[in-house]
Amino acid sequence: MRSENNPAGQKRSFIEEARRAQIVAAAIDTIAEVGYPNASLARIAEEAGVSKGVISYHFAGKDELMDQLVTGVYTEIAESVVPRLLAQDNAADMLRAHVRGVAAYALEHRSRMAALAQIFIHALRPDGSPRYGAGESEPLYESLEGLYREGQRSGEFRDFDVRAMAVTQQSATDGMFEYWRVHPDHDLMAHAAELGEQLVRATRAD
């Protein structure tokens, strides 16, 4: 299995990175279409137009492939949202832009969001616990805490526990996406705008 054999410090070639990206894209499409339980490596390989052995060459197994998929999507979301935040003049507008930004990304990348939902629901650790539970959300909480602290420093936000608010926002965002997944005709951007306003009202200084 190639992935675990990549010695520390060695960079993958352009061709290797392109092949890994191709496999991840095929995994997204396969999971979005047939669900995580039915997305075997063989089926993903068929979608990618490669042999199962090619996947095993680049990834140690399905778990590592899923880790790469999840990391890649979250990186894309961050790269999409951050410029929206930097374009704002105050913390309240940054908070609104954050919620609307992740919703806008979801609308543009439905298959990615569908794949994530399947992975979060069905991917389990050997002990049966979720592979992507709250323990893996630390980077999300930390980024939201930074936004809240900035608002507190500027005097726009009241004094509150930033971790509690970060967990609340992320839970509300997850709930928004889950409702949208079940009700695909739901107005996601309107929901995001309302959620953003609720968060601003909950955090603004009296």
N, C-alpha and C. Protein backbone atom coordinates (compact mmCIF):
# COMPACT_ATOMS: atom_id res chain seq x y z
N MET A 1 0.84 -1.18 0.00
CA MET A 1 0.00 0.00 0.00
C MET A 1 0.88 1.24 0.00
N ARG A 2 0.74 2.04 -0.99
CA ARG A 2 1.67 3.12 -1.25
C ARG A 2 1.59 4.25 -0.25
N SER A 3 0.37 4.62 0.15
CA SER A 3 0.20 5.82 0.96
C SER A 3 1.03 5.80 2.23
N GLU A 4 1.02 4.66 2.93
CA GLU A 4 1.77 4.56 4.16
C GLU A 4 3.27 4.42 3.90
N ASN A 5 3.64 4.19 2.65
CA ASN A 5 5.05 4.01 2.31
C ASN A 5 5.72 5.31 1.87
N ASN A 6 5.00 6.40 1.91
CA ASN A 6 5.56 7.67 1.48
C ASN A 6 6.45 8.21 2.59
N PRO A 7 7.77 8.14 2.46
CA PRO A 7 8.64 8.54 3.56
C PRO A 7 8.47 10.01 3.90
N ALA A 8 8.64 10.32 5.19
CA ALA A 8 8.52 11.70 5.63
C ALA A 8 9.49 12.58 4.86
N GLY A 9 9.00 13.71 4.41
CA GLY A 9 9.86 14.64 3.70
C GLY A 9 9.85 14.48 2.20
N GLN A 10 9.34 13.35 1.70
CA GLN A 10 9.28 13.15 0.25
C GLN A 10 7.98 13.73 -0.29
N LYS A 11 8.10 14.54 -1.30
CA LYS A 11 6.93 15.13 -1.92
C LYS A 11 6.41 14.21 -3.03
N ARG A 12 5.08 14.14 -3.11
CA ARG A 12 4.51 13.36 -4.20
C ARG A 12 4.67 14.13 -5.51
N SER A 13 4.77 13.38 -6.58
CA SER A 13 4.89 14.01 -7.90
C SER A 13 3.56 14.59 -8.31
N PHE A 14 3.59 15.44 -9.33
CA PHE A 14 2.37 16.03 -9.86
C PHE A 14 1.40 14.94 -10.31
N ILE A 15 1.95 13.91 -10.94
CA ILE A 15 1.10 12.82 -11.44
C ILE A 15 0.44 12.08 -10.29
N GLU A 16 1.20 11.85 -9.21
CA GLU A 16 0.62 11.18 -8.05
C GLU A 16 -0.49 12.02 -7.42
N GLU A 17 -0.25 13.30 -7.30
CA GLU A 17 -1.27 14.17 -6.71
C GLU A 17 -2.52 14.21 -7.60
N ALA A 18 -2.30 14.23 -8.90
CA ALA A 18 -3.44 14.25 -9.82
C ALA A 18 -4.24 12.96 -9.73
N ARG A 19 -3.55 11.84 -9.60
CA ARG A 19 -4.24 10.55 -9.47
C ARG A 19 -5.02 10.48 -8.17
N ARG A 20 -4.43 10.96 -7.07
CA ARG A 20 -5.13 10.96 -5.79
C ARG A 20 -6.37 11.85 -5.87
N ALA A 21 -6.24 12.99 -6.51
CA ALA A 21 -7.39 13.88 -6.66
C ALA A 21 -8.48 13.22 -7.49
N GLN A 22 -8.09 12.48 -8.52
CA GLN A 22 -9.05 11.76 -9.36
C GLN A 22 -9.81 10.72 -8.53
N ILE A 23 -9.10 10.02 -7.68
CA ILE A 23 -9.72 8.99 -6.85
C ILE A 23 -10.66 9.61 -5.83
N VAL A 24 -10.23 10.71 -5.21
CA VAL A 24 -11.09 11.39 -4.25
C VAL A 24 -12.37 11.88 -4.93
N ALA A 25 -12.24 12.45 -6.12
CA ALA A 25 -13.42 12.92 -6.86
C ALA A 25 -14.37 11.77 -7.17
N ALA A 26 -13.81 10.63 -7.53
CA ALA A 26 -14.63 9.45 -7.81
C ALA A 26 -15.32 8.97 -6.54
N ALA A 27 -14.63 9.05 -5.42
CA ALA A 27 -15.23 8.65 -4.14
C ALA A 27 -16.40 9.55 -3.80
N ILE A 28 -16.25 10.85 -4.02
CA ILE A 28 -17.33 11.79 -3.76
C ILE A 28 -18.55 11.44 -4.61
N ASP A 29 -18.35 11.26 -5.89
CA ASP A 29 -19.46 10.96 -6.79
C ASP A 29 -20.13 9.63 -6.44
N THR A 30 -19.32 8.64 -6.09
CA THR A 30 -19.86 7.32 -5.77
C THR A 30 -20.68 7.35 -4.48
N ILE A 31 -20.13 7.97 -3.45
CA ILE A 31 -20.83 8.04 -2.17
C ILE A 31 -22.11 8.85 -2.31
N ALA A 32 -22.04 9.97 -3.03
CA ALA A 32 -23.23 10.80 -3.23
C ALA A 32 -24.32 10.04 -3.97
N GLU A 33 -23.92 9.13 -4.85
CA GLU A 33 -24.90 8.39 -5.67
C GLU A 33 -25.46 7.17 -4.97
N VAL A 34 -24.59 6.36 -4.35
CA VAL A 34 -25.05 5.07 -3.81
C VAL A 34 -24.97 4.99 -2.29
N GLY A 35 -24.44 6.01 -1.63
CA GLY A 35 -24.33 5.97 -0.18
C GLY A 35 -23.01 5.38 0.28
N TYR A 36 -22.62 5.74 1.47
CA TYR A 36 -21.33 5.27 2.01
C TYR A 36 -21.26 3.75 2.14
N PRO A 37 -22.28 3.08 2.69
CA PRO A 37 -22.17 1.63 2.87
C PRO A 37 -21.95 0.87 1.56
N ASN A 38 -22.47 1.39 0.46
CA ASN A 38 -22.35 0.71 -0.83
C ASN A 38 -21.15 1.17 -1.65
N ALA A 39 -20.42 2.13 -1.13
CA ALA A 39 -19.28 2.69 -1.88
C ALA A 39 -18.01 1.91 -1.56
N SER A 40 -17.91 0.73 -2.12
CA SER A 40 -16.71 -0.08 -1.93
C SER A 40 -15.56 0.50 -2.73
N LEU A 41 -14.34 0.09 -2.38
CA LEU A 41 -13.19 0.55 -3.15
C LEU A 41 -13.28 0.10 -4.60
N ALA A 42 -13.85 -1.08 -4.81
CA ALA A 42 -14.01 -1.58 -6.18
C ALA A 42 -14.96 -0.68 -6.97
N ARG A 43 -16.03 -0.25 -6.32
CA ARG A 43 -17.00 0.60 -7.01
C ARG A 43 -16.41 1.99 -7.27
N ILE A 44 -15.64 2.50 -6.30
CA ILE A 44 -14.98 3.79 -6.49
C ILE A 44 -13.96 3.70 -7.62
N ALA A 45 -13.23 2.58 -7.67
CA ALA A 45 -12.25 2.38 -8.75
C ALA A 45 -12.92 2.36 -10.10
N GLU A 46 -14.08 1.70 -10.17
CA GLU A 46 -14.82 1.67 -11.43
C GLU A 46 -15.24 3.08 -11.85
N GLU A 47 -15.69 3.88 -10.88
CA GLU A 47 -16.08 5.27 -11.17
C GLU A 47 -14.89 6.08 -11.66
N ALA A 48 -13.72 5.82 -11.06
CA ALA A 48 -12.51 6.56 -11.43
C ALA A 48 -11.89 6.06 -12.72
N GLY A 49 -12.30 4.88 -13.19
CA GLY A 49 -11.72 4.31 -14.39
C GLY A 49 -10.34 3.74 -14.17
N VAL A 50 -10.10 3.25 -12.93
CA VAL A 50 -8.82 2.64 -12.60
C VAL A 50 -9.08 1.30 -11.93
N SER A 51 -8.02 0.56 -11.68
CA SER A 51 -8.17 -0.71 -10.96
C SER A 51 -8.19 -0.45 -9.45
N LYS A 52 -8.71 -1.39 -8.70
CA LYS A 52 -8.71 -1.28 -7.25
C LYS A 52 -7.28 -1.20 -6.73
N GLY A 53 -6.38 -1.85 -7.43
CA GLY A 53 -4.98 -1.83 -7.02
C GLY A 53 -4.38 -0.43 -7.08
N VAL A 54 -4.86 0.38 -8.02
CA VAL A 54 -4.37 1.76 -8.11
C VAL A 54 -4.77 2.55 -6.87
N ILE A 55 -5.99 2.32 -6.38
CA ILE A 55 -6.42 2.99 -5.15
C ILE A 55 -5.55 2.54 -3.99
N SER A 56 -5.28 1.23 -3.91
CA SER A 56 -4.46 0.70 -2.82
C SER A 56 -3.03 1.22 -2.89
N TYR A 57 -2.57 1.56 -4.09
CA TYR A 57 -1.24 2.13 -4.25
C TYR A 57 -1.15 3.52 -3.63
N HIS A 58 -2.25 4.28 -3.74
CA HIS A 58 -2.24 5.67 -3.29
C HIS A 58 -2.82 5.86 -1.89
N PHE A 59 -3.67 4.94 -1.45
CA PHE A 59 -4.31 5.06 -0.14
C PHE A 59 -4.21 3.73 0.61
N ALA A 60 -3.99 3.82 1.90
CA ALA A 60 -3.84 2.60 2.70
C ALA A 60 -5.14 1.82 2.82
N GLY A 61 -6.25 2.46 2.58
CA GLY A 61 -7.54 1.80 2.66
C GLY A 61 -8.66 2.82 2.58
N LYS A 62 -9.88 2.36 2.79
CA LYS A 62 -11.04 3.24 2.67
C LYS A 62 -11.01 4.35 3.71
N ASP A 63 -10.54 4.03 4.93
CA ASP A 63 -10.50 5.05 5.97
C ASP A 63 -9.60 6.21 5.58
N GLU A 64 -8.42 5.91 5.06
CA GLU A 64 -7.52 6.99 4.68
C GLU A 64 -8.08 7.78 3.51
N LEU A 65 -8.72 7.10 2.60
CA LEU A 65 -9.36 7.80 1.47
C LEU A 65 -10.44 8.74 1.98
N MET A 66 -11.23 8.28 2.95
CA MET A 66 -12.27 9.14 3.51
C MET A 66 -11.66 10.33 4.25
N ASP A 67 -10.57 10.09 4.98
CA ASP A 67 -9.90 11.19 5.67
C ASP A 67 -9.46 12.26 4.67
N GLN A 68 -8.89 11.82 3.55
CA GLN A 68 -8.44 12.77 2.53
C GLN A 68 -9.62 13.51 1.92
N LEU A 69 -10.72 12.80 1.71
CA LEU A 69 -11.92 13.43 1.14
C LEU A 69 -12.44 14.51 2.09
N VAL A 70 -12.61 14.16 3.36
CA VAL A 70 -13.15 15.11 4.34
C VAL A 70 -12.23 16.32 4.49
N THR A 71 -10.93 16.06 4.61
CA THR A 71 -9.98 17.16 4.75
C THR A 71 -10.02 18.07 3.52
N GLY A 72 -10.09 17.46 2.35
CA GLY A 72 -10.11 18.24 1.12
C GLY A 72 -11.33 19.13 1.01
N VAL A 73 -12.50 18.60 1.36
CA VAL A 73 -13.72 19.39 1.27
C VAL A 73 -13.69 20.54 2.28
N TYR A 74 -13.26 20.25 3.50
CA TYR A 74 -13.21 21.32 4.50
C TYR A 74 -12.19 22.39 4.12
N THR A 75 -11.10 21.98 3.48
CA THR A 75 -10.13 22.96 3.00
C THR A 75 -10.75 23.84 1.93
N GLU A 76 -11.51 23.24 1.02
CA GLU A 76 -12.20 24.01 -0.01
C GLU A 76 -13.19 24.99 0.60
N ILE A 77 -13.92 24.55 1.61
CA ILE A 77 -14.89 25.44 2.25
C ILE A 77 -14.18 26.64 2.86
N ALA A 78 -13.06 26.38 3.56
CA ALA A 78 -12.31 27.47 4.17
C ALA A 78 -11.80 28.44 3.11
N GLU A 79 -11.28 27.90 2.03
CA GLU A 79 -10.76 28.76 0.96
C GLU A 79 -11.86 29.58 0.30
N SER A 80 -13.08 29.07 0.34
CA SER A 80 -14.21 29.79 -0.23
C SER A 80 -14.73 30.86 0.72
N VAL A 81 -14.72 30.56 2.02
CA VAL A 81 -15.35 31.45 3.00
C VAL A 81 -14.42 32.58 3.44
N VAL A 82 -13.14 32.29 3.61
CA VAL A 82 -12.22 33.30 4.16
C VAL A 82 -12.23 34.61 3.38
N PRO A 83 -12.18 34.59 2.03
CA PRO A 83 -12.22 35.88 1.31
C PRO A 83 -13.50 36.66 1.59
N ARG A 84 -14.60 35.98 1.82
CA ARG A 84 -15.85 36.67 2.15
C ARG A 84 -15.71 37.39 3.50
N LEU A 85 -15.04 36.74 4.45
CA LEU A 85 -14.86 37.35 5.76
C LEU A 85 -13.96 38.58 5.67
N LEU A 86 -12.88 38.46 4.92
CA LEU A 86 -11.92 39.55 4.82
C LEU A 86 -12.50 40.77 4.12
N ALA A 87 -13.57 40.57 3.36
CA ALA A 87 -14.19 41.68 2.65
C ALA A 87 -15.13 42.50 3.54
N GLN A 88 -15.35 42.02 4.79
CA GLN A 88 -16.29 42.71 5.68
C GLN A 88 -15.56 43.74 6.55
N ASP A 89 -16.31 44.71 7.03
CA ASP A 89 -15.74 45.80 7.81
C ASP A 89 -15.87 45.64 9.32
N ASN A 90 -16.69 44.70 9.74
CA ASN A 90 -16.89 44.52 11.18
C ASN A 90 -17.19 43.06 11.49
N ALA A 91 -17.11 42.73 12.77
CA ALA A 91 -17.25 41.33 13.20
C ALA A 91 -18.65 40.79 12.96
N ALA A 92 -19.67 41.63 13.14
CA ALA A 92 -21.04 41.16 12.92
C ALA A 92 -21.25 40.75 11.47
N ASP A 93 -20.76 41.56 10.54
CA ASP A 93 -20.89 41.20 9.13
C ASP A 93 -20.04 39.99 8.78
N MET A 94 -18.90 39.84 9.45
CA MET A 94 -18.08 38.63 9.25
C MET A 94 -18.83 37.39 9.69
N LEU A 95 -19.56 37.50 10.80
CA LEU A 95 -20.34 36.36 11.29
C LEU A 95 -21.43 36.01 10.30
N ARG A 96 -22.12 37.02 9.80
CA ARG A 96 -23.16 36.77 8.79
C ARG A 96 -22.54 36.14 7.54
N ALA A 97 -21.40 36.69 7.11
CA ALA A 97 -20.75 36.20 5.90
C ALA A 97 -20.27 34.77 6.06
N HIS A 98 -19.89 34.40 7.26
CA HIS A 98 -19.43 33.03 7.50
C HIS A 98 -20.56 32.04 7.25
N VAL A 99 -21.71 32.31 7.84
CA VAL A 99 -22.84 31.38 7.68
C VAL A 99 -23.31 31.34 6.23
N ARG A 100 -23.42 32.50 5.61
CA ARG A 100 -23.86 32.53 4.21
C ARG A 100 -22.81 31.90 3.30
N GLY A 101 -21.54 32.06 3.65
CA GLY A 101 -20.48 31.50 2.82
C GLY A 101 -20.49 29.99 2.76
N VAL A 102 -20.67 29.34 3.92
CA VAL A 102 -20.70 27.88 3.90
C VAL A 102 -21.94 27.38 3.18
N ALA A 103 -23.05 28.13 3.29
CA ALA A 103 -24.27 27.75 2.58
C ALA A 103 -24.07 27.90 1.07
N ALA A 104 -23.42 28.97 0.65
CA ALA A 104 -23.17 29.18 -0.78
C ALA A 104 -22.29 28.08 -1.34
N TYR A 105 -21.29 27.67 -0.58
CA TYR A 105 -20.43 26.57 -1.02
C TYR A 105 -21.27 25.30 -1.20
N ALA A 106 -22.13 25.03 -0.24
CA ALA A 106 -22.95 23.82 -0.30
C ALA A 106 -23.83 23.81 -1.54
N LEU A 107 -24.42 24.95 -1.87
CA LEU A 107 -25.28 25.02 -3.05
C LEU A 107 -24.49 24.76 -4.33
N GLU A 108 -23.24 25.19 -4.35
CA GLU A 108 -22.41 25.00 -5.54
C GLU A 108 -21.81 23.60 -5.61
N HIS A 109 -21.81 22.88 -4.50
CA HIS A 109 -21.14 21.57 -4.44
C HIS A 109 -22.03 20.56 -3.70
N ARG A 110 -23.19 20.32 -4.27
CA ARG A 110 -24.15 19.43 -3.63
C ARG A 110 -23.60 18.01 -3.44
N SER A 111 -22.88 17.50 -4.42
CA SER A 111 -22.38 16.13 -4.31
C SER A 111 -21.37 16.01 -3.18
N ARG A 112 -20.55 17.03 -2.98
CA ARG A 112 -19.59 17.00 -1.89
C ARG A 112 -20.31 16.98 -0.54
N MET A 113 -21.33 17.80 -0.40
CA MET A 113 -22.07 17.85 0.85
C MET A 113 -22.84 16.56 1.09
N ALA A 114 -23.37 15.98 0.02
CA ALA A 114 -24.07 14.70 0.16
C ALA A 114 -23.11 13.61 0.60
N ALA A 115 -21.91 13.62 0.04
CA ALA A 115 -20.90 12.62 0.43
C ALA A 115 -20.50 12.81 1.89
N LEU A 116 -20.27 14.06 2.29
CA LEU A 116 -19.92 14.32 3.69
C LEU A 116 -20.99 13.81 4.64
N ALA A 117 -22.24 14.09 4.31
CA ALA A 117 -23.34 13.65 5.18
C ALA A 117 -23.34 12.14 5.33
N GLN A 118 -23.14 11.42 4.23
CA GLN A 118 -23.10 9.96 4.29
C GLN A 118 -21.92 9.47 5.14
N ILE A 119 -20.78 10.09 4.96
CA ILE A 119 -19.59 9.69 5.72
C ILE A 119 -19.79 9.94 7.20
N PHE A 120 -20.32 11.12 7.55
CA PHE A 120 -20.51 11.45 8.96
C PHE A 120 -21.52 10.51 9.63
N ILE A 121 -22.51 10.06 8.88
CA ILE A 121 -23.54 9.18 9.43
C ILE A 121 -23.03 7.75 9.57
N HIS A 122 -22.30 7.27 8.57
CA HIS A 122 -22.01 5.83 8.49
C HIS A 122 -20.58 5.42 8.82
N ALA A 123 -19.61 6.31 8.71
CA ALA A 123 -18.22 5.91 8.95
C ALA A 123 -17.99 5.72 10.44
N LEU A 124 -17.55 4.53 10.82
CA LEU A 124 -17.37 4.20 12.23
C LEU A 124 -15.94 3.73 12.52
N ARG A 125 -15.55 3.91 13.75
CA ARG A 125 -14.28 3.37 14.22
C ARG A 125 -14.47 1.90 14.57
N PRO A 126 -13.38 1.16 14.79
CA PRO A 126 -13.52 -0.27 15.14
C PRO A 126 -14.39 -0.52 16.37
N ASP A 127 -14.43 0.45 17.31
CA ASP A 127 -15.25 0.28 18.51
C ASP A 127 -16.71 0.67 18.29
N GLY A 128 -17.05 1.07 17.06
CA GLY A 128 -18.43 1.42 16.75
C GLY A 128 -18.77 2.88 16.93
N SER A 129 -17.84 3.70 17.41
CA SER A 129 -18.09 5.13 17.58
C SER A 129 -17.92 5.84 16.25
N PRO A 130 -18.54 7.01 16.08
CA PRO A 130 -18.41 7.74 14.81
C PRO A 130 -16.96 8.10 14.52
N ARG A 131 -16.55 7.91 13.30
CA ARG A 131 -15.17 8.24 12.92
C ARG A 131 -14.97 9.75 12.89
N TYR A 132 -16.02 10.48 12.58
CA TYR A 132 -15.94 11.93 12.48
C TYR A 132 -16.92 12.56 13.46
N GLY A 133 -16.65 12.39 14.73
CA GLY A 133 -17.51 12.93 15.77
C GLY A 133 -17.06 14.31 16.22
N ALA A 134 -17.55 14.72 17.38
CA ALA A 134 -17.25 16.05 17.91
C ALA A 134 -15.76 16.23 18.15
N GLY A 135 -15.04 15.14 18.45
CA GLY A 135 -13.61 15.25 18.71
C GLY A 135 -12.83 15.72 17.51
N GLU A 136 -13.36 15.53 16.31
CA GLU A 136 -12.68 15.95 15.09
C GLU A 136 -13.08 17.36 14.67
N SER A 137 -13.94 18.01 15.45
CA SER A 137 -14.42 19.34 15.09
C SER A 137 -13.60 20.46 15.73
N GLU A 138 -12.53 20.12 16.42
CA GLU A 138 -11.73 21.12 17.12
C GLU A 138 -11.27 22.27 16.22
N PRO A 139 -10.75 21.99 15.01
CA PRO A 139 -10.34 23.12 14.16
C PRO A 139 -11.49 24.06 13.80
N LEU A 140 -12.69 23.51 13.64
CA LEU A 140 -13.85 24.36 13.34
C LEU A 140 -14.17 25.25 14.52
N TYR A 141 -14.18 24.66 15.72
CA TYR A 141 -14.47 25.45 16.91
C TYR A 141 -13.44 26.57 17.10
N GLU A 142 -12.18 26.23 16.90
CA GLU A 142 -11.12 27.21 17.11
C GLU A 142 -11.23 28.39 16.14
N SER A 143 -11.58 28.10 14.89
CA SER A 143 -11.72 29.19 13.92
C SER A 143 -12.87 30.11 14.28
N LEU A 144 -13.98 29.54 14.75
CA LEU A 144 -15.12 30.35 15.16
C LEU A 144 -14.79 31.15 16.42
N GLU A 145 -14.04 30.54 17.32
CA GLU A 145 -13.64 31.26 18.53
C GLU A 145 -12.83 32.51 18.18
N GLY A 146 -11.97 32.40 17.17
CA GLY A 146 -11.19 33.55 16.76
C GLY A 146 -12.07 34.68 16.27
N LEU A 147 -13.11 34.35 15.54
CA LEU A 147 -14.04 35.37 15.05
C LEU A 147 -14.75 36.04 16.22
N TYR A 148 -15.21 35.23 17.18
CA TYR A 148 -15.92 35.79 18.34
C TYR A 148 -15.00 36.66 19.20
N ARG A 149 -13.78 36.22 19.37
CA ARG A 149 -12.84 37.02 20.18
C ARG A 149 -12.57 38.37 19.52
N GLU A 150 -12.48 38.38 18.21
CA GLU A 150 -12.26 39.63 17.50
C GLU A 150 -13.42 40.58 17.75
N GLY A 151 -14.63 40.06 17.72
CA GLY A 151 -15.80 40.90 17.99
C GLY A 151 -15.84 41.39 19.42
N GLN A 152 -15.36 40.58 20.35
CA GLN A 152 -15.30 41.02 21.74
C GLN A 152 -14.24 42.10 21.93
N ARG A 153 -13.10 41.94 21.25
CA ARG A 153 -12.04 42.93 21.36
C ARG A 153 -12.48 44.30 20.81
N SER A 154 -13.27 44.25 19.73
CA SER A 154 -13.71 45.50 19.11
C SER A 154 -14.88 46.13 19.85
N GLY A 155 -15.47 45.39 20.81
CA GLY A 155 -16.61 45.90 21.56
C GLY A 155 -17.94 45.64 20.90
N GLU A 156 -17.93 44.97 19.73
CA GLU A 156 -19.20 44.67 19.04
C GLU A 156 -19.97 43.54 19.73
N PHE A 157 -19.24 42.57 20.26
CA PHE A 157 -19.86 41.42 20.89
C PHE A 157 -19.76 41.55 22.41
N ARG A 158 -20.76 41.02 23.08
CA ARG A 158 -20.77 41.02 24.53
C ARG A 158 -19.78 39.97 25.05
N ASP A 159 -19.60 39.95 26.34
CA ASP A 159 -18.74 38.95 26.97
C ASP A 159 -19.51 37.63 27.07
N PHE A 160 -18.97 36.58 26.52
CA PHE A 160 -19.60 35.26 26.60
C PHE A 160 -18.52 34.20 26.41
N ASP A 161 -18.88 32.97 26.67
CA ASP A 161 -17.98 31.83 26.51
C ASP A 161 -17.87 31.52 25.01
N VAL A 162 -16.72 31.79 24.42
CA VAL A 162 -16.59 31.64 22.97
C VAL A 162 -16.66 30.18 22.54
N ARG A 163 -16.22 29.25 23.38
CA ARG A 163 -16.33 27.84 23.00
C ARG A 163 -17.79 27.41 22.97
N ALA A 164 -18.56 27.82 23.96
CA ALA A 164 -19.98 27.46 23.97
C ALA A 164 -20.68 28.01 22.73
N MET A 165 -20.35 29.25 22.35
CA MET A 165 -20.99 29.85 21.19
C MET A 165 -20.53 29.17 19.90
N ALA A 166 -19.25 28.79 19.84
CA ALA A 166 -18.73 28.10 18.65
C ALA A 166 -19.43 26.76 18.46
N VAL A 167 -19.60 26.02 19.55
CA VAL A 167 -20.29 24.73 19.47
C VAL A 167 -21.75 24.93 19.05
N THR A 168 -22.37 25.97 19.59
CA THR A 168 -23.76 26.27 19.23
C THR A 168 -23.88 26.60 17.75
N GLN A 169 -22.97 27.44 17.25
CA GLN A 169 -23.04 27.81 15.83
C GLN A 169 -22.81 26.60 14.94
N GLN A 170 -21.80 25.79 15.27
CA GLN A 170 -21.52 24.64 14.42
C GLN A 170 -22.68 23.64 14.45
N SER A 171 -23.29 23.45 15.61
CA SER A 171 -24.43 22.54 15.71
C SER A 171 -25.61 23.07 14.89
N ALA A 172 -25.83 24.38 14.94
CA ALA A 172 -26.92 24.97 14.17
C ALA A 172 -26.66 24.86 12.67
N THR A 173 -25.39 25.03 12.29
CA THR A 173 -25.03 24.90 10.87
C THR A 173 -25.21 23.46 10.40
N ASP A 174 -24.78 22.51 11.22
CA ASP A 174 -24.97 21.09 10.87
C ASP A 174 -26.45 20.78 10.73
N GLY A 175 -27.26 21.31 11.65
CA GLY A 175 -28.70 21.08 11.58
C GLY A 175 -29.31 21.68 10.33
N MET A 176 -28.82 22.85 9.95
CA MET A 176 -29.30 23.50 8.72
C MET A 176 -29.03 22.61 7.51
N PHE A 177 -27.82 22.07 7.43
CA PHE A 177 -27.48 21.22 6.29
C PHE A 177 -28.25 19.89 6.31
N GLU A 178 -28.47 19.35 7.49
CA GLU A 178 -29.22 18.10 7.58
C GLU A 178 -30.66 18.32 7.13
N TYR A 179 -31.26 19.44 7.55
CA TYR A 179 -32.63 19.72 7.11
C TYR A 179 -32.68 19.89 5.60
N TRP A 180 -31.70 20.58 5.06
CA TRP A 180 -31.62 20.79 3.60
C TRP A 180 -31.43 19.47 2.87
N ARG A 181 -30.65 18.55 3.47
CA ARG A 181 -30.43 17.25 2.85
C ARG A 181 -31.75 16.48 2.75
N VAL A 182 -32.54 16.54 3.81
CA VAL A 182 -33.81 15.83 3.83
C VAL A 182 -34.86 16.55 2.98
N HIS A 183 -34.76 17.89 2.93
CA HIS A 183 -35.71 18.71 2.16
C HIS A 183 -34.92 19.52 1.13
N PRO A 184 -34.53 18.91 0.02
CA PRO A 184 -33.64 19.57 -0.94
C PRO A 184 -34.20 20.84 -1.57
N ASP A 185 -35.52 21.04 -1.49
CA ASP A 185 -36.11 22.26 -2.04
C ASP A 185 -36.11 23.41 -1.03
N HIS A 186 -35.65 23.14 0.17
CA HIS A 186 -35.60 24.17 1.21
C HIS A 186 -34.68 25.31 0.76
N ASP A 187 -35.05 26.55 1.06
CA ASP A 187 -34.27 27.73 0.69
C ASP A 187 -33.08 27.84 1.64
N LEU A 188 -31.97 27.27 1.24
CA LEU A 188 -30.80 27.20 2.10
C LEU A 188 -30.23 28.58 2.39
N MET A 189 -30.18 29.45 1.39
CA MET A 189 -29.60 30.77 1.60
C MET A 189 -30.47 31.62 2.54
N ALA A 190 -31.77 31.49 2.44
CA ALA A 190 -32.66 32.21 3.35
C ALA A 190 -32.47 31.70 4.78
N HIS A 191 -32.32 30.39 4.90
CA HIS A 191 -32.07 29.79 6.21
C HIS A 191 -30.76 30.32 6.79
N ALA A 192 -29.72 30.37 5.95
CA ALA A 192 -28.41 30.84 6.39
C ALA A 192 -28.48 32.31 6.82
N ALA A 193 -29.21 33.11 6.07
CA ALA A 193 -29.33 34.52 6.42
C ALA A 193 -30.02 34.69 7.77
N GLU A 194 -31.07 33.89 8.00
CA GLU A 194 -31.78 33.96 9.28
C GLU A 194 -30.88 33.48 10.42
N LEU A 195 -30.16 32.40 10.19
CA LEU A 195 -29.26 31.89 11.22
C LEU A 195 -28.18 32.92 11.54
N GLY A 196 -27.64 33.57 10.53
CA GLY A 196 -26.63 34.60 10.75
C GLY A 196 -27.17 35.73 11.62
N GLU A 197 -28.39 36.16 11.34
CA GLU A 197 -28.99 37.23 12.13
C GLU A 197 -29.21 36.80 13.58
N GLN A 198 -29.64 35.57 13.77
CA GLN A 198 -29.85 35.07 15.12
C GLN A 198 -28.54 35.05 15.90
N LEU A 199 -27.45 34.65 15.25
CA LEU A 199 -26.16 34.61 15.91
C LEU A 199 -25.67 36.01 16.26
N VAL A 200 -25.88 36.96 15.35
CA VAL A 200 -25.47 38.34 15.61
C VAL A 200 -26.25 38.90 16.80
N ARG A 201 -27.54 38.64 16.84
CA ARG A 201 -28.36 39.15 17.96
C ARG A 201 -27.98 38.48 19.28
N ALA A 202 -27.55 37.23 19.20
CA ALA A 202 -27.18 36.51 20.43
C ALA A 202 -25.83 36.97 20.97
N THR A 203 -25.00 37.53 20.12
CA THR A 203 -23.64 37.86 20.53
C THR A 203 -23.37 39.36 20.67
N ARG A 204 -24.22 40.20 20.10
CA ARG A 204 -23.91 41.62 20.09
C ARG A 204 -23.95 42.21 21.50
N ALA A 205 -23.16 43.27 21.69
CA ALA A 205 -23.10 43.95 22.97
C ALA A 205 -24.43 44.65 23.25
N ASP A 206 -24.85 44.66 24.49
CA ASP A 206 -26.12 45.32 24.84
C ASP A 206 -25.97 46.83 24.71
